[in-house]
């Protein structure tokens, strides 16, 4: 549950993951140079965050044609759910629209309803 909550808002999770090991490293009496160890741990975490956020995630999003959605639909969803539920709705808007699209892609929805809705979602 904590991993979900900290990953839902990506930058908050990264900051918490960066700050949590700091007291453990600094107050560990077995380390000869705790500041250097903290520097190495922080640099490694920042490097991994940079690589995953700017390389891996971008490639995954580019390659996923199944969940492609038009940016205007995303902006409308953020506006609509923000109006209805406030900031919580703005955070939940993209996952809700993605869930709607996944539900539309199932075989349970007749194609006469599915195809026009997918045209609107994908642009």
Foldseek 3Di string as FASTA:
>chain_A
DVVCVLPLPPVNVLVCVLPVCLVVLVPDPVDPDSVVVNVVVNVVSVVVCCCCVPPVVVVVVVPDPLQAFDVVVLVVQLVVLCVVPNPVSNSCRVVVVSVVSVVLPDPVDDPVPSVVVVVNGND
